[in-house]
């Protein structure tokens, strides 16, 4: 799946769930992304990480239908660093959908630009 496909899927989901009923507020959208990252930090402070990634499909998904088991998800993943990072990514995708941002192009361009920059981008620390 490309970033733009993820963007479009998440934007459509947010719209279906009613998250686009209010007028779009760019600043609010950015702060909700920051909030998800703050939740990831809190999860790390509590040492709340999801189970080993290799075990997640076996624990949380039906191997035949590939449907998620909500109870297992809540037990092993809910509130974890991984979940909060995923939330931030999904909110970024929804915001990019609102603004029709070509994530594939911009991420590739930024990575190419960064490859032209000096060590630590010329700063003392990252």
N, C-alpha and C. Protein backbone atom coordinates (compact mmCIF):
# COMPACT_ATOMS: atom_id res chain seq x y z
N UNK A 1 0.84 -1.18 0.00
CA UNK A 1 0.00 0.00 0.00
C UNK A 1 0.89 1.25 0.00
N UNK A 2 0.58 2.19 -0.86
CA UNK A 2 1.35 3.44 -0.89
C UNK A 2 0.85 4.38 0.21
N UNK A 3 1.61 5.40 0.48
CA UNK A 3 1.17 6.41 1.45
C UNK A 3 -0.11 7.10 0.97
N UNK A 4 -0.19 7.36 -0.33
CA UNK A 4 -1.39 8.02 -0.85
C UNK A 4 -2.61 7.11 -0.75
N UNK A 5 -2.42 5.80 -0.93
CA UNK A 5 -3.53 4.87 -0.75
C UNK A 5 -3.97 4.84 0.71
N UNK A 6 -3.00 4.84 1.62
CA UNK A 6 -3.31 4.89 3.05
C UNK A 6 -4.03 6.20 3.38
N UNK A 7 -3.54 7.30 2.82
CA UNK A 7 -4.18 8.62 3.01
C UNK A 7 -5.64 8.56 2.58
N UNK A 8 -5.89 8.05 1.38
CA UNK A 8 -7.25 8.02 0.85
C UNK A 8 -8.16 7.11 1.67
N UNK A 9 -7.63 5.96 2.08
CA UNK A 9 -8.43 5.03 2.89
C UNK A 9 -8.78 5.65 4.24
N UNK A 10 -7.81 6.27 4.88
CA UNK A 10 -8.06 6.87 6.19
C UNK A 10 -8.98 8.08 6.08
N UNK A 11 -8.83 8.89 5.04
CA UNK A 11 -9.70 10.04 4.83
C UNK A 11 -11.15 9.57 4.64
N UNK A 12 -11.35 8.54 3.83
CA UNK A 12 -12.70 8.00 3.60
C UNK A 12 -13.29 7.44 4.89
N UNK A 13 -12.46 6.74 5.68
CA UNK A 13 -12.94 6.19 6.95
C UNK A 13 -13.37 7.32 7.89
N UNK A 14 -12.54 8.34 8.02
CA UNK A 14 -12.87 9.46 8.92
C UNK A 14 -14.15 10.15 8.48
N UNK A 15 -14.33 10.28 7.18
CA UNK A 15 -15.55 10.90 6.65
C UNK A 15 -16.77 10.04 6.98
N UNK A 16 -16.64 8.72 6.76
CA UNK A 16 -17.74 7.78 7.04
C UNK A 16 -18.12 7.81 8.52
N UNK A 17 -17.14 7.98 9.40
CA UNK A 17 -17.37 7.98 10.84
C UNK A 17 -17.83 9.35 11.36
N UNK A 18 -18.00 10.34 10.48
CA UNK A 18 -18.52 11.64 10.88
C UNK A 18 -17.49 12.64 11.36
N UNK A 19 -16.21 12.34 11.20
CA UNK A 19 -15.17 13.25 11.68
C UNK A 19 -15.00 14.49 10.79
N UNK A 20 -15.67 14.52 9.64
CA UNK A 20 -15.56 15.67 8.74
C UNK A 20 -16.80 16.56 8.77
N UNK A 21 -17.71 16.33 9.74
CA UNK A 21 -18.93 17.12 9.78
C UNK A 21 -18.67 18.59 10.11
N UNK A 22 -17.76 18.83 11.04
CA UNK A 22 -17.40 20.21 11.39
C UNK A 22 -16.46 20.77 10.34
N UNK A 23 -16.42 22.09 10.17
CA UNK A 23 -15.46 22.67 9.22
C UNK A 23 -14.03 22.27 9.58
N UNK A 24 -13.22 22.04 8.55
CA UNK A 24 -11.84 21.61 8.75
C UNK A 24 -11.06 22.70 9.47
N UNK A 25 -10.33 22.30 10.52
CA UNK A 25 -9.50 23.21 11.29
C UNK A 25 -8.08 22.65 11.28
N UNK A 26 -7.20 23.28 10.50
CA UNK A 26 -5.84 22.79 10.33
C UNK A 26 -5.09 22.72 11.66
N UNK A 27 -5.17 23.78 12.46
CA UNK A 27 -4.46 23.81 13.74
C UNK A 27 -4.95 22.73 14.70
N UNK A 28 -6.26 22.53 14.75
CA UNK A 28 -6.82 21.48 15.59
C UNK A 28 -6.33 20.11 15.13
N UNK A 29 -6.29 19.89 13.83
CA UNK A 29 -5.81 18.61 13.30
C UNK A 29 -4.36 18.36 13.71
N UNK A 30 -3.52 19.39 13.60
CA UNK A 30 -2.13 19.24 14.00
C UNK A 30 -2.00 18.92 15.49
N UNK A 31 -2.79 19.59 16.31
CA UNK A 31 -2.70 19.37 17.75
C UNK A 31 -3.20 17.98 18.14
N UNK A 32 -4.18 17.45 17.41
CA UNK A 32 -4.64 16.09 17.69
C UNK A 32 -3.54 15.07 17.35
N UNK A 33 -2.73 15.37 16.33
CA UNK A 33 -1.59 14.52 16.00
C UNK A 33 -0.56 14.59 17.13
N UNK A 34 -0.30 15.79 17.61
CA UNK A 34 0.63 15.98 18.74
C UNK A 34 0.11 15.22 19.97
N UNK A 35 -1.20 15.25 20.19
CA UNK A 35 -1.79 14.54 21.33
C UNK A 35 -1.53 13.04 21.23
N UNK A 36 -1.64 12.48 20.02
CA UNK A 36 -1.37 11.05 19.85
C UNK A 36 0.09 10.75 20.16
N UNK A 37 1.00 11.62 19.74
CA UNK A 37 2.42 11.42 20.03
C UNK A 37 2.70 11.55 21.52
N UNK A 38 1.98 12.45 22.20
CA UNK A 38 2.11 12.57 23.65
C UNK A 38 1.64 11.29 24.33
N UNK A 39 0.57 10.69 23.80
CA UNK A 39 0.09 9.42 24.35
C UNK A 39 1.12 8.31 24.12
N UNK A 40 1.84 8.36 23.00
CA UNK A 40 2.90 7.38 22.75
C UNK A 40 4.02 7.55 23.78
N UNK A 41 4.36 8.79 24.10
CA UNK A 41 5.38 9.05 25.11
C UNK A 41 4.93 8.53 26.47
N UNK A 42 3.69 8.78 26.83
CA UNK A 42 3.16 8.28 28.11
C UNK A 42 3.18 6.76 28.15
N UNK A 43 2.81 6.12 27.03
CA UNK A 43 2.84 4.66 26.98
C UNK A 43 4.27 4.15 27.21
N UNK A 44 5.25 4.81 26.61
CA UNK A 44 6.63 4.41 26.82
C UNK A 44 7.04 4.62 28.27
N UNK A 45 6.62 5.73 28.86
CA UNK A 45 6.95 5.99 30.27
C UNK A 45 6.40 4.90 31.18
N UNK A 46 5.28 4.30 30.77
CA UNK A 46 4.66 3.21 31.53
C UNK A 46 5.14 1.84 31.04
N UNK A 47 6.09 1.84 30.10
CA UNK A 47 6.62 0.62 29.49
C UNK A 47 5.51 -0.23 28.88
N UNK A 48 4.57 0.45 28.20
CA UNK A 48 3.43 -0.24 27.59
C UNK A 48 3.71 -0.39 26.10
N UNK A 49 4.31 -1.51 25.75
CA UNK A 49 4.60 -1.85 24.36
C UNK A 49 3.75 -3.06 24.01
N UNK A 50 3.36 -3.16 22.76
CA UNK A 50 2.57 -4.30 22.30
C UNK A 50 3.42 -5.57 22.38
N UNK A 51 2.75 -6.71 22.32
CA UNK A 51 3.47 -7.98 22.31
C UNK A 51 4.35 -8.05 21.07
N UNK A 52 5.25 -8.99 21.03
CA UNK A 52 6.13 -9.19 19.90
C UNK A 52 5.33 -9.17 18.60
N UNK A 53 5.78 -8.38 17.65
CA UNK A 53 5.07 -8.19 16.38
C UNK A 53 4.77 -9.51 15.68
N UNK A 54 5.66 -10.47 15.78
CA UNK A 54 5.43 -11.76 15.13
C UNK A 54 4.24 -12.50 15.74
N UNK A 55 3.95 -12.24 17.02
CA UNK A 55 2.85 -12.92 17.71
C UNK A 55 1.51 -12.22 17.51
N UNK A 56 1.50 -10.94 17.14
CA UNK A 56 0.25 -10.19 17.05
C UNK A 56 -0.75 -10.82 16.09
N UNK A 57 -0.36 -11.18 14.86
CA UNK A 57 -1.36 -11.78 13.97
C UNK A 57 -1.98 -13.05 14.54
N UNK A 58 -1.18 -13.86 15.24
CA UNK A 58 -1.69 -15.10 15.81
C UNK A 58 -2.66 -14.83 16.96
N UNK A 59 -2.42 -13.76 17.71
CA UNK A 59 -3.23 -13.45 18.88
C UNK A 59 -4.48 -12.67 18.52
N UNK A 60 -4.35 -11.70 17.62
CA UNK A 60 -5.42 -10.73 17.39
C UNK A 60 -6.28 -10.98 16.16
N UNK A 61 -5.87 -11.88 15.27
CA UNK A 61 -6.61 -12.08 14.03
C UNK A 61 -7.01 -13.54 13.85
N UNK A 62 -8.19 -13.74 13.30
CA UNK A 62 -8.62 -15.06 12.88
C UNK A 62 -7.83 -15.42 11.62
N UNK A 63 -7.11 -16.53 11.63
CA UNK A 63 -6.23 -16.87 10.52
C UNK A 63 -6.98 -17.17 9.23
N UNK A 64 -8.25 -17.53 9.32
CA UNK A 64 -9.02 -17.84 8.11
C UNK A 64 -9.70 -16.60 7.54
N UNK A 65 -10.38 -15.83 8.39
CA UNK A 65 -11.12 -14.66 7.90
C UNK A 65 -10.30 -13.38 7.97
N UNK A 66 -9.17 -13.39 8.71
CA UNK A 66 -8.33 -12.22 8.93
C UNK A 66 -9.10 -11.09 9.62
N UNK A 67 -10.14 -11.47 10.39
CA UNK A 67 -10.89 -10.47 11.17
C UNK A 67 -10.23 -10.30 12.53
N UNK A 68 -10.26 -9.07 13.00
CA UNK A 68 -9.65 -8.74 14.27
C UNK A 68 -10.51 -9.21 15.44
N UNK A 69 -9.86 -9.71 16.48
CA UNK A 69 -10.54 -10.03 17.74
C UNK A 69 -10.41 -8.81 18.65
N UNK A 70 -11.49 -8.05 18.85
CA UNK A 70 -11.39 -6.81 19.65
C UNK A 70 -10.90 -7.03 21.08
N UNK A 71 -11.31 -8.11 21.72
CA UNK A 71 -10.90 -8.34 23.11
C UNK A 71 -9.40 -8.54 23.22
N UNK A 72 -8.84 -9.30 22.30
CA UNK A 72 -7.40 -9.53 22.32
C UNK A 72 -6.63 -8.25 21.98
N UNK A 73 -7.18 -7.49 21.04
CA UNK A 73 -6.55 -6.21 20.69
C UNK A 73 -6.48 -5.32 21.93
N UNK A 74 -7.59 -5.23 22.64
CA UNK A 74 -7.63 -4.38 23.84
C UNK A 74 -6.68 -4.88 24.92
N UNK A 75 -6.50 -6.17 25.01
CA UNK A 75 -5.61 -6.75 26.01
C UNK A 75 -4.14 -6.53 25.65
N UNK A 76 -3.77 -6.76 24.39
CA UNK A 76 -2.36 -6.79 24.02
C UNK A 76 -1.84 -5.55 23.31
N UNK A 77 -2.72 -4.71 22.77
CA UNK A 77 -2.26 -3.59 21.95
C UNK A 77 -2.77 -2.24 22.43
N UNK A 78 -4.01 -2.18 22.88
CA UNK A 78 -4.64 -0.90 23.26
C UNK A 78 -3.77 -0.12 24.23
N UNK A 79 -3.55 1.15 23.90
CA UNK A 79 -2.77 2.04 24.76
C UNK A 79 -1.27 1.86 24.66
N UNK A 80 -0.82 1.05 23.72
CA UNK A 80 0.62 0.80 23.56
C UNK A 80 1.26 1.91 22.72
N UNK A 81 2.58 1.95 22.79
CA UNK A 81 3.34 2.89 21.97
C UNK A 81 2.98 2.70 20.50
N UNK A 82 2.94 1.44 20.06
CA UNK A 82 2.66 1.15 18.66
C UNK A 82 1.28 1.66 18.24
N UNK A 83 0.28 1.47 19.10
CA UNK A 83 -1.06 1.93 18.76
C UNK A 83 -1.11 3.45 18.65
N UNK A 84 -0.45 4.14 19.56
CA UNK A 84 -0.48 5.61 19.55
C UNK A 84 0.26 6.16 18.32
N UNK A 85 1.35 5.52 17.93
CA UNK A 85 2.05 5.95 16.71
C UNK A 85 1.16 5.71 15.51
N UNK A 86 0.47 4.57 15.48
CA UNK A 86 -0.47 4.29 14.38
C UNK A 86 -1.57 5.36 14.35
N UNK A 87 -2.08 5.75 15.51
CA UNK A 87 -3.10 6.81 15.56
C UNK A 87 -2.57 8.11 14.96
N UNK A 88 -1.32 8.46 15.29
CA UNK A 88 -0.74 9.69 14.76
C UNK A 88 -0.62 9.61 13.24
N UNK A 89 -0.18 8.45 12.74
CA UNK A 89 -0.06 8.28 11.29
C UNK A 89 -1.42 8.40 10.62
N UNK A 90 -2.44 7.78 11.21
CA UNK A 90 -3.78 7.84 10.62
C UNK A 90 -4.31 9.27 10.62
N UNK A 91 -4.05 10.01 11.68
CA UNK A 91 -4.48 11.42 11.71
C UNK A 91 -3.71 12.25 10.68
N UNK A 92 -2.41 11.97 10.52
CA UNK A 92 -1.63 12.65 9.48
C UNK A 92 -2.21 12.36 8.10
N UNK A 93 -2.59 11.12 7.88
CA UNK A 93 -3.17 10.74 6.59
C UNK A 93 -4.50 11.44 6.36
N UNK A 94 -5.34 11.52 7.39
CA UNK A 94 -6.62 12.21 7.25
C UNK A 94 -6.40 13.69 6.94
N UNK A 95 -5.45 14.32 7.62
CA UNK A 95 -5.13 15.72 7.35
C UNK A 95 -4.64 15.89 5.91
N UNK A 96 -3.76 14.99 5.48
CA UNK A 96 -3.25 15.04 4.10
C UNK A 96 -4.38 14.85 3.11
N UNK A 97 -5.36 14.04 3.45
CA UNK A 97 -6.53 13.85 2.59
C UNK A 97 -7.34 15.13 2.46
N UNK A 98 -7.51 15.82 3.58
CA UNK A 98 -8.24 17.11 3.54
C UNK A 98 -7.54 18.10 2.62
N UNK A 99 -6.22 18.13 2.70
CA UNK A 99 -5.44 19.11 1.94
C UNK A 99 -4.97 18.57 0.58
N UNK A 100 -5.34 17.33 0.26
CA UNK A 100 -4.96 16.69 -1.00
C UNK A 100 -3.43 16.72 -1.21
N UNK A 101 -2.72 16.37 -0.15
CA UNK A 101 -1.26 16.35 -0.17
C UNK A 101 -0.79 15.02 -0.76
N UNK A 102 0.10 15.08 -1.71
CA UNK A 102 0.69 13.89 -2.32
C UNK A 102 1.80 13.40 -1.40
N UNK A 103 1.46 12.53 -0.47
CA UNK A 103 2.42 12.06 0.52
C UNK A 103 3.57 11.29 -0.12
N UNK A 104 3.25 10.45 -1.11
CA UNK A 104 4.32 9.68 -1.75
C UNK A 104 5.40 10.60 -2.31
N UNK A 105 5.00 11.62 -3.05
CA UNK A 105 5.96 12.52 -3.66
C UNK A 105 6.71 13.32 -2.61
N UNK A 106 5.98 13.89 -1.63
CA UNK A 106 6.63 14.76 -0.65
C UNK A 106 7.59 14.01 0.25
N UNK A 107 7.24 12.79 0.65
CA UNK A 107 8.17 12.00 1.49
C UNK A 107 9.41 11.63 0.68
N UNK A 108 9.23 11.18 -0.55
CA UNK A 108 10.39 10.85 -1.39
C UNK A 108 11.27 12.07 -1.63
N UNK A 109 10.65 13.22 -1.92
CA UNK A 109 11.41 14.45 -2.16
C UNK A 109 12.18 14.87 -0.91
N UNK A 110 11.54 14.78 0.25
CA UNK A 110 12.21 15.18 1.50
C UNK A 110 13.36 14.24 1.81
N UNK A 111 13.17 12.95 1.58
CA UNK A 111 14.26 12.01 1.82
C UNK A 111 15.43 12.28 0.87
N UNK A 112 15.13 12.58 -0.38
CA UNK A 112 16.18 12.91 -1.35
C UNK A 112 16.90 14.19 -0.93
N UNK A 113 16.16 15.19 -0.49
CA UNK A 113 16.77 16.44 -0.03
C UNK A 113 17.66 16.17 1.19
N UNK A 114 17.16 15.38 2.14
CA UNK A 114 17.95 15.10 3.34
C UNK A 114 19.27 14.42 3.00
N UNK A 115 19.30 13.64 1.92
CA UNK A 115 20.54 12.99 1.51
C UNK A 115 21.58 13.98 1.02
N UNK A 116 21.20 15.22 0.77
CA UNK A 116 22.15 16.26 0.34
C UNK A 116 22.66 17.07 1.53
N UNK A 117 22.13 16.82 2.71
CA UNK A 117 22.46 17.64 3.88
C UNK A 117 23.66 17.08 4.63
N UNK A 118 24.35 17.94 5.40
CA UNK A 118 25.52 17.48 6.15
C UNK A 118 25.13 16.61 7.35
N UNK A 119 26.14 16.01 7.95
CA UNK A 119 25.98 15.17 9.15
C UNK A 119 25.16 15.91 10.19
N UNK A 120 24.17 15.23 10.76
CA UNK A 120 23.21 15.79 11.73
C UNK A 120 22.60 17.10 11.21
N UNK A 121 22.57 17.23 9.90
CA UNK A 121 22.03 18.41 9.23
C UNK A 121 22.69 19.69 9.74
N UNK A 122 23.96 19.56 10.11
CA UNK A 122 24.75 20.70 10.53
C UNK A 122 24.46 21.19 11.94
N UNK A 123 23.75 20.37 12.73
CA UNK A 123 23.37 20.78 14.08
C UNK A 123 24.11 19.94 15.13
N UNK A 124 24.06 20.41 16.36
CA UNK A 124 24.75 19.74 17.44
C UNK A 124 24.12 18.39 17.77
N UNK A 125 22.80 18.32 17.77
CA UNK A 125 22.09 17.07 18.05
C UNK A 125 20.78 17.05 17.29
N UNK A 126 20.20 15.84 17.20
CA UNK A 126 19.05 15.64 16.37
C UNK A 126 17.76 15.77 17.09
